């Protein structure tokens, strides 16, 4: 069996780090990588998902060209 392994950088924005527990961040990242994004935009190459923890929302998106997954908390 041949497995393809891709190096991926993960960035956790300060807003997400302040708002979510390490366990919540890990769970959302794991869900994103194992089950895929909820939205994919072929034109921009962005893939994204939103995860709700009570009243809080965590956005996880991947910039495929840059090989970066970003976890962020939108501020109003």
Protein backbone atom coordinates (compact mmCIF):
# COMPACT_ATOMS: atom_id res chain seq x y z
CA UNK A 1 0.00 0.00 0.00
CA UNK A 2 1.28 3.45 -0.94
CA UNK A 3 0.39 6.43 1.24
CA UNK A 4 0.78 10.03 0.23
CA UNK A 5 1.81 12.28 3.09
CA UNK A 6 1.60 16.02 2.69
CA UNK A 7 3.28 18.48 5.02
CA UNK A 8 0.74 20.96 6.33
CA UNK A 9 1.36 24.01 8.48
CA UNK A 10 -1.25 24.93 11.08
CA UNK A 11 -1.80 28.49 12.27
CA UNK A 12 -4.00 29.28 15.27
CA UNK A 13 -4.92 32.96 15.33
CA UNK A 14 -4.69 34.69 18.71
CA UNK A 15 -8.47 35.26 18.59
CA UNK A 16 -9.05 31.50 18.44
CA UNK A 17 -6.42 30.77 21.07
CA UNK A 18 -8.12 33.21 23.48
CA UNK A 19 -11.65 31.94 22.81
CA UNK A 20 -11.37 28.15 22.52
CA UNK A 21 -9.79 25.46 24.67
CA UNK A 22 -6.90 23.44 23.26
CA UNK A 23 -9.25 20.43 23.12
CA UNK A 24 -11.83 22.36 21.05
CA UNK A 25 -9.14 23.52 18.63
CA UNK A 26 -7.81 19.98 18.30
CA UNK A 27 -11.27 18.49 17.80
CA UNK A 28 -12.15 21.00 15.07
CA UNK A 29 -8.83 20.46 13.26
CA UNK A 30 -9.25 16.69 13.46
CA UNK A 31 -12.82 16.91 12.10
CA UNK A 32 -11.64 19.18 9.27
CA UNK A 33 -8.78 16.90 8.23
CA UNK A 34 -10.65 13.60 8.61
CA UNK A 35 -14.03 14.54 7.12
CA UNK A 36 -13.10 17.38 4.81
CA UNK A 37 -14.35 20.93 4.54
CA UNK A 38 -17.99 22.01 4.39
CA UNK A 39 -17.25 24.47 1.58
CA UNK A 40 -14.75 24.36 -1.27
CA UNK A 41 -14.18 27.18 -3.75
CA UNK A 42 -12.50 25.93 -6.92
CA UNK A 43 -11.77 29.47 -8.10
CA UNK A 44 -9.85 30.60 -5.00
CA UNK A 45 -8.61 27.20 -3.84
CA UNK A 46 -9.98 27.82 -0.33
CA UNK A 47 -11.64 25.08 1.69
CA UNK A 48 -13.47 26.01 4.89
CA UNK A 49 -15.67 24.75 7.71
CA UNK A 50 -17.38 26.38 10.68
CA UNK A 51 -17.66 24.67 14.06
CA UNK A 52 -19.99 25.83 16.83
CA UNK A 53 -19.08 25.44 20.49
CA UNK A 54 -22.05 26.85 22.40
CA UNK A 55 -22.33 30.50 21.33
CA UNK A 56 -18.80 30.54 19.88
CA UNK A 57 -17.93 29.80 16.26
CA UNK A 58 -14.54 28.59 15.05
CA UNK A 59 -13.64 28.94 11.38
CA UNK A 60 -11.12 26.46 9.94
CA UNK A 61 -9.86 27.05 6.43
CA UNK A 62 -7.12 25.72 4.21
CA UNK A 63 -5.11 27.62 1.66
CA UNK A 64 -4.10 24.68 -0.51
CA UNK A 65 -1.44 26.49 -2.54
CA UNK A 66 0.30 27.67 0.62
CA UNK A 67 -0.22 24.38 2.46
CA UNK A 68 -1.62 26.19 5.50
CA UNK A 69 -4.62 25.41 7.70
CA UNK A 70 -5.83 28.40 9.73
CA UNK A 71 -8.06 28.26 12.81
CA UNK A 72 -9.66 31.61 13.57
CA UNK A 73 -12.50 33.14 15.56
CA UNK A 74 -14.42 35.89 13.74
CA UNK A 75 -14.83 38.99 15.87
CA UNK A 76 -17.81 41.27 15.46
